Amino acid sequence: MASSFNVHDADGYDQIMGRWSRKLAPLFIDFAGIADGERVLDVGCGTGSLAFALSRFPGLGEITAIDFSPVFVEAVTRRNTDPRITVRQADACALPFEDGAFDRAFALLVLHFVPDPGKAISEMRRVVRPGGMVAAVVWDHLGGMPGMRMMVDTVAALGEPGRQLRSLYCFQPMMQPGEMKRAFVEQGLADVTETELMIRMDYQNFDDYWAPISAGEGPLGKYMATLDSQERMLTDAAMRDAYEAGRTDGPRSFANVAWAVKGIVQ
């Protein structure tokens, strides 16, 4: 079951999101918890932000990372130096593991890109032993990502395609308050709790912010790839104006909030 995430190049993804998921991963691990000797599954590993953050804990037993994209699987395999980490291509909605194979299953910035997030949560629950933990975190696109809202609000002001992008972006699955928590409860997880995690996205200048999006990475980059040359010029100029906000180009910092949920397998 294909992901709706758009990726061409692992380095491009790192610039648009990987560098921020690396900041979010330790906060997510603190929330979800781990223990010595455990087997942990990283569902939708991307370029390895969570798997490599987990590898900093010497007591962990095994770390298995899966992703639907061969681009990501190749990148994590190439970068990995920890023998506890294994990487394979797999579908979050059809995990190729036996029931109860792991102590914990985590999904970092994944469920909003899965066509059937309820099925993915069900699969994570299935492959975790009774008493084990399932946890996930997603960005709050509507109310918690001002740096990205800056783009979708700007292109929405330029025309109907931009308004359609904004509607899709702001209301992806699992992003509304309580939505992912309800999904965990519906999939039979117990003691389900939800919290907010926050990091800051710090950019050196406009190009640092805009280059990967303009190059076509991620869901916002996918929109850029649909524009003709004149539309791209208008969008580039409008985005530069929005980023600079009447000041000279330079560093900008945006607070970003994510919803995190965890539950126990019964």
C-alpha atoms as a PDB file:
ATOM      1  CA  MET A   1       0.000   0.000   0.000  1.00  0.00           C
ATOM      2  CA  ALA A   2       1.906   3.047  -1.263  1.00  0.00           C
ATOM      3  CA  SER A   3       2.861   5.976   0.920  1.00  0.00           C
ATOM      4  CA  SER A   4       1.635   9.434  -0.105  1.00  0.00           C
ATOM      5  CA  PHE A   5       5.012  10.957   0.753  1.00  0.00           C
ATOM      6  CA  ASN A   6       7.044  12.296  -2.172  1.00  0.00           C
ATOM      7  CA  VAL A   7      10.795  11.555  -2.106  1.00  0.00           C
ATOM      8  CA  HIS A   8      13.450  11.687  -4.815  1.00  0.00           C
ATOM      9  CA  ASP A   9      16.697  12.030  -2.919  1.00  0.00           C
ATOM     10  CA  ALA A  10      17.663  11.150   0.664  1.00  0.00           C
ATOM     11  CA  ASP A  11      19.850  14.242   1.041  1.00  0.00           C
ATOM     12  CA  GLY A  12      17.005  16.441  -0.180  1.00  0.00           C
ATOM     13  CA  TYR A  13      14.681  14.855   2.374  1.00  0.00           C
ATOM     14  CA  ASP A  14      17.248  15.467   5.120  1.00  0.00           C
ATOM     15  CA  GLN A  15      17.291  19.154   4.252  1.00  0.00           C
ATOM     16  CA  ILE A  16      13.508  19.533   4.173  1.00  0.00           C
ATOM     17  CA  MET A  17      12.620  17.275   7.129  1.00  0.00           C
ATOM     18  CA  GLY A  18      15.296  14.797   8.211  1.00  0.00           C
ATOM     19  CA  ARG A  19      17.270  17.401  10.149  1.00  0.00           C
ATOM     20  CA  TRP A  20      14.135  18.250  12.114  1.00  0.00           C
ATOM     21  CA  SER A  21      13.064  14.638  12.712  1.00  0.00           C
ATOM     22  CA  ARG A  22      16.530  14.090  14.236  1.00  0.00           C
ATOM     23  CA  LYS A  23      15.690  16.793  16.792  1.00  0.00           C
ATOM     24  CA  LEU A  24      12.251  15.315  17.439  1.00  0.00           C
ATOM     25  CA  ALA A  25      13.402  11.688  17.821  1.00  0.00           C
ATOM     26  CA  PRO A  26      14.983  12.000  21.307  1.00  0.00           C
ATOM     27  CA  LEU A  27      11.873  13.738  22.675  1.00  0.00           C
ATOM     28  CA  PHE A  28       9.718  10.987  21.200  1.00  0.00           C
ATOM     29  CA  ILE A  29      11.899   8.256  22.732  1.00  0.00           C
ATOM     30  CA  ASP A  30      11.674   9.949  26.136  1.00  0.00           C
ATOM     31  CA  PHE A  31       7.877   9.960  25.828  1.00  0.00           C
ATOM     32  CA  ALA A  32       7.526   6.404  24.504  1.00  0.00           C
ATOM     33  CA  GLY A  33      10.159   4.815  26.738  1.00  0.00           C
ATOM     34  CA  ILE A  34      12.633   1.976  26.168  1.00  0.00           C
ATOM     35  CA  ALA A  35      14.334  -0.642  28.331  1.00  0.00           C
ATOM     36  CA  ASP A  36      17.513  -2.687  28.160  1.00  0.00           C
ATOM     37  CA  GLY A  37      17.425  -5.802  26.037  1.00  0.00           C
ATOM     38  CA  GLU A  38      14.307  -4.826  24.103  1.00  0.00           C
ATOM     39  CA  ARG A  39      13.567  -5.409  20.436  1.00  0.00           C
ATOM     40  CA  VAL A  40      12.259  -2.214  18.835  1.00  0.00           C
ATOM     41  CA  LEU A  41      10.613  -1.788  15.431  1.00  0.00           C
ATOM     42  CA  ASP A  42      10.945   1.546  13.622  1.00  0.00           C
ATOM     43  CA  VAL A  43       8.040   1.779  11.165  1.00  0.00           C
ATOM     44  CA  GLY A  44       8.694   4.192   8.301  1.00  0.00           C
ATOM     45  CA  CYS A  45      12.324   4.883   9.165  1.00  0.00           C
ATOM     46  CA  GLY A  46      12.988   7.538   6.521  1.00  0.00           C
ATOM     47  CA  THR A  47      16.685   8.374   6.578  1.00  0.00           C
ATOM     48  CA  GLY A  48      17.105   6.798  10.004  1.00  0.00           C
ATOM     49  CA  SER A  49      16.449   9.609  12.486  1.00  0.00           C
ATOM     50  CA  LEU A  50      14.700   7.355  14.999  1.00  0.00           C
ATOM     51  CA  ALA A  51      16.739   4.200  14.413  1.00  0.00           C
ATOM     52  CA  PHE A  52      20.019   6.045  14.890  1.00  0.00           C
ATOM     53  CA  ALA A  53      18.684   7.878  17.956  1.00  0.00           C
ATOM     54  CA  LEU A  54      17.697   4.506  19.435  1.00  0.00           C
ATOM     55  CA  SER A  55      21.170   3.154  18.708  1.00  0.00           C
ATOM     56  CA  ARG A  56      22.612   5.675  21.182  1.00  0.00           C
ATOM     57  CA  PHE A  57      21.189   3.497  23.977  1.00  0.00           C
ATOM     58  CA  PRO A  58      23.771   0.725  24.461  1.00  0.00           C
ATOM     59  CA  GLY A  59      21.406  -1.522  26.402  1.00  0.00           C
ATOM     60  CA  LEU A  60      18.881  -1.967  23.586  1.00  0.00           C
ATOM     61  CA  GLY A  61      18.847  -5.412  21.998  1.00  0.00           C
ATOM     62  CA  GLU A  62      17.676  -5.217  18.384  1.00  0.00           C
ATOM     63  CA  ILE A  63      16.497  -2.303  16.238  1.00  0.00           C
ATOM     64  CA  THR A  64      14.583  -3.226  13.093  1.00  0.00           C
ATOM     65  CA  ALA A  65      13.834  -0.417  10.650  1.00  0.00           C
ATOM     66  CA  ILE A  66      11.423  -0.641   7.722  1.00  0.00           C
ATOM     67  CA  ASP A  67      10.313   1.808   5.052  1.00  0.00           C
ATOM     68  CA  PHE A  68       8.193   1.605   1.917  1.00  0.00           C
ATOM     69  CA  SER A  69      10.643   3.731  -0.085  1.00  0.00           C
ATOM     70  CA  PRO A  70      13.733   1.990  -1.513  1.00  0.00           C
ATOM     71  CA  VAL A  71      15.438   5.409  -1.501  1.00  0.00           C
ATOM     72  CA  PHE A  72      15.199   5.524   2.282  1.00  0.00           C
ATOM     73  CA  VAL A  73      16.090   1.856   2.770  1.00  0.00           C
ATOM     74  CA  GLU A  74      19.256   2.317   0.725  1.00  0.00           C
ATOM     75  CA  ALA A  75      20.206   5.494   2.591  1.00  0.00           C
ATOM     76  CA  VAL A  76      19.823   3.957   6.068  1.00  0.00           C
ATOM     77  CA  THR A  77      21.645   0.787   5.028  1.00  0.00           C
ATOM     78  CA  ARG A  78      24.528   2.840   3.642  1.00  0.00           C
ATOM     79  CA  ARG A  79      24.802   5.069   6.714  1.00  0.00           C
ATOM     80  CA  ASN A  80      24.383   2.366   9.345  1.00  0.00           C
ATOM     81  CA  THR A  81      27.376   1.212  11.400  1.00  0.00           C
ATOM     82  CA  ASP A  82      25.499  -0.454  14.284  1.00  0.00           C
ATOM     83  CA  PRO A  83      25.172  -4.266  14.031  1.00  0.00           C
ATOM     84  CA  ARG A  84      21.975  -4.132  16.111  1.00  0.00           C
ATOM     85  CA  ILE A  85      20.182  -2.247  13.309  1.00  0.00           C
ATOM     86  CA  THR A  86      18.651  -4.167  10.416  1.00  0.00           C
ATOM     87  CA  VAL A  87      16.868  -2.411   7.566  1.00  0.00           C
ATOM     88  CA  ARG A  88      14.395  -3.758   5.029  1.00  0.00           C
ATOM     89  CA  GLN A  89      11.760  -2.541   2.608  1.00  0.00           C
ATOM     90  CA  ALA A  90       8.239  -3.242   3.844  1.00  0.00           C
ATOM     91  CA  ASP A  91       4.680  -1.912   3.976  1.00  0.00           C
ATOM     92  CA  ALA A  92       3.471  -0.411   7.266  1.00  0.00           C
ATOM     93  CA  CYS A  93       0.031  -1.877   6.540  1.00  0.00           C
ATOM     94  CA  ALA A  94       1.383  -5.426   6.023  1.00  0.00           C
ATOM     95  CA  LEU A  95       4.384  -5.825   8.321  1.00  0.00           C
ATOM     96  CA  PRO A  96       6.421  -8.942   7.438  1.00  0.00           C
ATOM     97  CA  PHE A  97       6.884 -10.080  11.046  1.00  0.00           C
ATOM     98  CA  GLU A  98       5.300 -12.686  13.308  1.00  0.00           C
ATOM     99  CA  ASP A  99       2.852 -11.784  16.046  1.00  0.00           C
ATOM    100  CA  GLY A 100       4.569 -10.513  19.183  1.00  0.00           C
ATOM    101  CA  ALA A 101       8.005 -10.302  17.561  1.00  0.00           C
ATOM    102  CA  PHE A 102       8.906  -6.963  19.223  1.00  0.00           C
ATOM    103  CA  ASP A 103       8.738  -5.286  22.606  1.00  0.00           C
ATOM    104  CA  ARG A 104       7.911  -1.896  21.082  1.00  0.00           C
ATOM    105  CA  ALA A 105       6.862  -0.498  17.711  1.00  0.00           C
ATOM    106  CA  PHE A 106       7.410   3.191  16.990  1.00  0.00           C
ATOM    107  CA  ALA A 107       6.394   5.412  14.059  1.00  0.00           C
ATOM    108  CA  LEU A 108       8.054   8.818  13.736  1.00  0.00           C
ATOM    109  CA  LEU A 109       6.291  11.227  11.330  1.00  0.00           C
ATOM    110  CA  VAL A 110       4.725   8.395   9.332  1.00  0.00           C
ATOM    111  CA  LEU A 111       1.043   7.738  10.020  1.00  0.00           C
ATOM    112  CA  HIS A 112      -0.219  10.863   8.232  1.00  0.00           C
ATOM    113  CA  PHE A 113       1.323   9.538   5.000  1.00  0.00           C
ATOM    114  CA  VAL A 114      -0.102   6.009   5.260  1.00  0.00           C
ATOM    115  CA  PRO A 115      -3.263   5.491   3.152  1.00  0.00           C
ATOM    116  CA  ASP A 116      -4.856   3.411   5.953  1.00  0.00           C
ATOM    117  CA  PRO A 117      -3.378   4.591   9.275  1.00  0.00           C
ATOM    118  CA  GLY A 118      -5.791   2.436  11.282  1.00  0.00           C
ATOM    119  CA  LYS A 119      -4.437  -0.661   9.539  1.00  0.00           C
ATOM    120  CA  ALA A 120      -0.857   0.460  10.228  1.00  0.00           C
ATOM    121  CA  ILE A 121      -1.630   0.902  13.929  1.00  0.00           C
ATOM    122  CA  SER A 122      -3.280  -2.521  13.949  1.00  0.00           C
ATOM    123  CA  GLU A 123      -0.185  -4.055  12.365  1.00  0.00           C
ATOM    124  CA  MET A 124       2.090  -2.366  14.899  1.00  0.00           C
ATOM    125  CA  ARG A 125      -0.074  -3.759  17.701  1.00  0.00           C
ATOM    126  CA  ARG A 126       0.008  -7.235  16.166  1.00  0.00           C
ATOM    127  CA  VAL A 127       3.788  -7.472  16.008  1.00  0.00           C
ATOM    128  CA  VAL A 128       4.284  -6.253  19.595  1.00  0.00           C
ATOM    129  CA  ARG A 129       4.055  -8.714  22.505  1.00  0.00           C
ATOM    130  CA  PRO A 130       1.338  -8.351  25.157  1.00  0.00           C
ATOM    131  CA  GLY A 131       2.434  -5.693  27.612  1.00  0.00           C
ATOM    132  CA  GLY A 132       4.624  -4.025  24.982  1.00  0.00           C
ATOM    133  CA  MET A 133       4.294  -0.490  23.678  1.00  0.00           C
ATOM    134  CA  VAL A 134       3.062   1.065  20.424  1.00  0.00           C
ATOM    135  CA  ALA A 135       3.817   4.763  19.940  1.00  0.00           C
ATOM    136  CA  ALA A 136       3.595   7.293  17.123  1.00  0.00           C
ATOM    137  CA  VAL A 137       4.125  10.995  16.534  1.00  0.00           C
ATOM    138  CA  VAL A 138       2.954  13.312  13.732  1.00  0.00           C
ATOM    139  CA  TRP A 139       3.242  17.036  13.104  1.00  0.00           C
ATOM    140  CA  ASP A 140       0.288  19.325  13.792  1.00  0.00           C
ATOM    141  CA  HIS A 141       0.123  20.782  10.262  1.00  0.00           C
ATOM    142  CA  LEU A 142      -2.911  22.964  10.909  1.00  0.00           C
ATOM    143  CA  GLY A 143      -1.893  24.726  14.100  1.00  0.00           C
ATOM    144  CA  GLY A 144       1.664  23.771  14.936  1.00  0.00           C
ATOM    145  CA  MET A 145       3.922  24.316  11.910  1.00  0.00           C
ATOM    146  CA  PRO A 146       4.099  28.055  11.135  1.00  0.00           C
ATOM    147  CA  GLY A 147       7.107  27.669   8.836  1.00  0.00           C
ATOM    148  CA  MET A 148       5.255  25.276   6.550  1.00  0.00           C
ATOM    149  CA  ARG A 149       1.922  27.106   6.932  1.00  0.00           C
ATOM    150  CA  MET A 150       3.777  30.151   5.617  1.00  0.00           C
ATOM    151  CA  MET A 151       4.162  28.334   2.309  1.00  0.00           C
ATOM    152  CA  VAL A 152       0.690  26.844   1.995  1.00  0.00           C
ATOM    153  CA  ASP A 153      -0.991  30.093   2.995  1.00  0.00           C
ATOM    154  CA  THR A 154       1.135  32.005   0.483  1.00  0.00           C
ATOM    155  CA  VAL A 155       0.368  29.698  -2.438  1.00  0.00           C
ATOM    156  CA  ALA A 156      -3.311  29.613  -1.418  1.00  0.00           C
ATOM    157  CA  ALA A 157      -3.376  33.373  -1.989  1.00  0.00           C
ATOM    158  CA  LEU A 158      -2.002  32.843  -5.505  1.00  0.00           C
ATOM    159  CA  GLY A 159      -4.780  30.620  -6.835  1.00  0.00           C
ATOM    160  CA  GLU A 160      -7.093  27.636  -6.570  1.00  0.00           C
ATOM    161  CA  PRO A 161      -4.367  24.940  -6.837  1.00  0.00           C
ATOM    162  CA  GLY A 162      -2.683  26.493  -3.812  1.00  0.00           C
ATOM    163  CA  ARG A 163      -5.972  26.506  -1.893  1.00  0.00           C
ATOM    164  CA  GLN A 164      -6.403  22.820  -2.667  1.00  0.00           C
ATOM    165  CA  LEU A 165      -2.864  22.120  -1.444  1.00  0.00           C
ATOM    166  CA  ARG A 166      -3.558  23.982   1.798  1.00  0.00           C
ATOM    167  CA  SER A 167      -6.730  22.001   2.448  1.00  0.00           C
ATOM    168  CA  LEU A 168      -4.939  18.686   1.877  1.00  0.00           C
ATOM    169  CA  TYR A 169      -1.879  19.687   3.873  1.00  0.00           C
ATOM    170  CA  CYS A 170      -3.699  21.053   6.909  1.00  0.00           C
ATOM    171  CA  PHE A 171      -6.110  18.139   7.265  1.00  0.00           C
ATOM    172  CA  GLN A 172      -4.017  15.037   6.639  1.00  0.00           C
ATOM    173  CA  PRO A 173      -5.012  12.015   8.764  1.00  0.00           C
ATOM    174  CA  MET A 174      -4.020  11.727  12.430  1.00  0.00           C
ATOM    175  CA  MET A 175      -3.174  15.428  12.843  1.00  0.00           C
ATOM    176  CA  GLN A 176      -6.161  16.859  14.695  1.00  0.00           C
ATOM    177  CA  PRO A 177      -6.180  16.978  18.515  1.00  0.00           C
ATOM    178  CA  GLY A 178      -7.242  13.582  19.863  1.00  0.00           C
ATOM    179  CA  GLU A 179      -7.508  11.959  16.417  1.00  0.00           C
ATOM    180  CA  MET A 180      -4.539   9.621  16.728  1.00  0.00           C
ATOM    181  CA  LYS A 181      -5.425   8.839  20.338  1.00  0.00           C
ATOM    182  CA  ARG A 182      -8.897   7.722  19.238  1.00  0.00           C
ATOM    183  CA  ALA A 183      -7.356   5.579  16.510  1.00  0.00           C
ATOM    184  CA  PHE A 184      -5.114   3.846  19.072  1.00  0.00           C
ATOM    185  CA  VAL A 185      -8.125   3.104  21.293  1.00  0.00           C
ATOM    186  CA  GLU A 186     -10.135   1.828  18.311  1.00  0.00           C
ATOM    187  CA  GLN A 187      -7.311  -0.604  17.477  1.00  0.00           C
ATOM    188  CA  GLY A 188      -7.495  -2.130  20.950  1.00  0.00           C
ATOM    189  CA  LEU A 189      -4.539  -0.497  22.684  1.00  0.00           C
ATOM    190  CA  ALA A 190      -4.839   0.189  26.408  1.00  0.00           C
ATOM    191  CA  ASP A 191      -3.776   3.068  28.660  1.00  0.00           C
ATOM    192  CA  VAL A 192      -3.539   5.346  25.627  1.00  0.00           C
ATOM    193  CA  THR A 193      -2.020   8.755  26.360  1.00  0.00           C
ATOM    194  CA  GLU A 194      -1.382  11.803  24.173  1.00  0.00           C
ATOM    195  CA  THR A 195       1.017  14.709  24.558  1.00  0.00           C
ATOM    196  CA  GLU A 196       2.557  17.561  22.581  1.00  0.00           C
ATOM    197  CA  LEU A 197       6.240  17.673  21.657  1.00  0.00           C
ATOM    198  CA  MET A 198       7.922  20.832  20.409  1.00  0.00           C
ATOM    199  CA  ILE A 199      11.154  21.621  18.595  1.00  0.00           C
ATOM    200  CA  ARG A 200      12.360  24.666  16.702  1.00  0.00           C
ATOM    201  CA  MET A 201      13.234  24.716  13.020  1.00  0.00           C
ATOM    202  CA  ASP A 202      16.127  27.134  12.512  1.00  0.00           C
ATOM    203  CA  TYR A 203      17.069  28.263   8.995  1.00  0.00           C
ATOM    204  CA  GLN A 204      20.229  30.128   7.986  1.00  0.00           C
ATOM    205  CA  ASN A 205      18.511  32.042   5.181  1.00  0.00           C
ATOM    206  CA  PHE A 206      15.771  31.812   2.568  1.00  0.00           C
ATOM    207  CA  ASP A 207      17.656  29.344   0.387  1.00  0.00           C
ATOM    208  CA  ASP A 208      18.167  27.044   3.366  1.00  0.00           C
ATOM    209  CA  TYR A 209      14.385  27.029   3.839  1.00  0.00           C
ATOM    210  CA  TRP A 210      13.260  26.992   0.207  1.00  0.00           C
ATOM    211  CA  ALA A 211      15.815  24.988  -1.807  1.00  0.00           C
ATOM    212  CA  PRO A 212      14.535  21.433  -1.071  1.00  0.00           C
ATOM    213  CA  ILE A 213      10.881  22.435  -1.541  1.00  0.00           C
ATOM    214  CA  SER A 214      11.675  24.227  -4.786  1.00  0.00           C
ATOM    215  CA  ALA A 215      13.593  21.135  -5.938  1.00  0.00           C
ATOM    216  CA  GLY A 216      10.475  18.985  -5.538  1.00  0.00           C
ATOM    217  CA  GLU A 217      11.038  17.181  -2.231  1.00  0.00           C
ATOM    218  CA  GLY A 218       8.176  16.237   0.065  1.00  0.00           C
ATOM    219  CA  PRO A 219       4.468  16.975  -0.358  1.00  0.00           C
ATOM    220  CA  LEU A 220       5.074  20.717  -0.756  1.00  0.00           C
ATOM    221  CA  GLY A 221       7.775  20.048  -3.325  1.00  0.00           C
ATOM    222  CA  LYS A 222       5.374  17.818  -5.211  1.00  0.00           C
ATOM    223  CA  TYR A 223       3.114  20.851  -5.649  1.00  0.00           C
ATOM    224  CA  MET A 224       6.039  22.933  -6.932  1.00  0.00           C
ATOM    225  CA  ALA A 225       6.750  20.303  -9.590  1.00  0.00           C
ATOM    226  CA  THR A 226       3.285  20.910 -11.095  1.00  0.00           C
ATOM    227  CA  LEU A 227       3.955  24.608 -11.819  1.00  0.00           C
ATOM    228  CA  ASP A 228       5.069  26.063 -15.145  1.00  0.00           C
ATOM    229  CA  SER A 229       8.039  28.423 -15.323  1.00  0.00           C
ATOM    230  CA  GLN A 230       6.010  31.606 -14.858  1.00  0.00           C
ATOM    231  CA  GLU A 231       4.077  30.162 -11.912  1.00  0.00           C
ATOM    232  CA  ARG A 232       7.344  29.051 -10.322  1.00  0.00           C
ATOM    233  CA  MET A 233       8.799  32.547 -10.648  1.00  0.00           C
ATOM    234  CA  LEU A 234       5.716  34.076  -9.019  1.00  0.00           C
ATOM    235  CA  THR A 235       5.761  31.490  -6.244  1.00  0.00           C
ATOM    236  CA  ASP A 236       9.488  31.879  -5.604  1.00  0.00           C
ATOM    237  CA  ALA A 237       9.104  35.658  -5.323  1.00  0.00           C
ATOM    238  CA  ALA A 238       6.055  35.418  -3.065  1.00  0.00           C
ATOM    239  CA  MET A 239       7.782  32.904  -0.802  1.00  0.00           C
ATOM    240  CA  ARG A 240      10.907  35.021  -0.513  1.00  0.00           C
ATOM    241  CA  ASP A 241       8.730  37.981   0.466  1.00  0.00           C
ATOM    242  CA  ALA A 242       6.900  35.855   3.061  1.00  0.00           C
ATOM    243  CA  TYR A 243      10.144  34.518   4.529  1.00  0.00           C
ATOM    244  CA  GLU A 244      11.894  37.882   4.695  1.00  0.00           C
ATOM    245  CA  ALA A 245       8.761  39.642   6.034  1.00  0.00           C
ATOM    246  CA  GLY A 246      10.091  43.082   5.195  1.00  0.00           C
ATOM    247  CA  ARG A 247      13.544  42.476   6.652  1.00  0.00           C
ATOM    248  CA  THR A 248      16.811  41.464   5.006  1.00  0.00           C
ATOM    249  CA  ASP A 249      17.396  37.795   4.299  1.00  0.00           C
ATOM    250  CA  GLY A 250      18.985  35.809   7.107  1.00  0.00           C
ATOM    251  CA  PRO A 251      18.238  33.410   9.972  1.00  0.00           C
ATOM    252  CA  ARG A 252      14.654  32.605  10.932  1.00  0.00           C
ATOM    253  CA  SER A 253      13.335  30.298  13.663  1.00  0.00           C
ATOM    254  CA  PHE A 254       9.943  28.582  13.843  1.00  0.00           C
ATOM    255  CA  ALA A 255       8.432  26.634  16.747  1.00  0.00           C
ATOM    256  CA  ASN A 256       6.914  23.316  15.630  1.00  0.00           C
ATOM    257  CA  VAL A 257       4.486  21.135  17.559  1.00  0.00           C
ATOM    258  CA  ALA A 258       3.850  17.420  17.102  1.00  0.00           C
ATOM    259  CA  TRP A 259       1.207  15.130  18.583  1.00  0.00           C
ATOM    260  CA  ALA A 260       2.613  11.992  20.262  1.00  0.00           C
ATOM    261  CA  VAL A 261       0.519   9.004  21.370  1.00  0.00           C
ATOM    262  CA  LYS A 262       1.389   5.719  23.076  1.00  0.00           C
ATOM    263  CA  GLY A 263      -0.585   2.675  24.161  1.00  0.00           C
ATOM    264  CA  ILE A 264      -0.064  -0.757  25.690  1.00  0.00           C
ATOM    265  CA  VAL A 265      -0.734  -4.023  23.834  1.00  0.00           C
ATOM    266  CA  GLN A 266      -3.184  -6.170  25.773  1.00  0.00           C
END
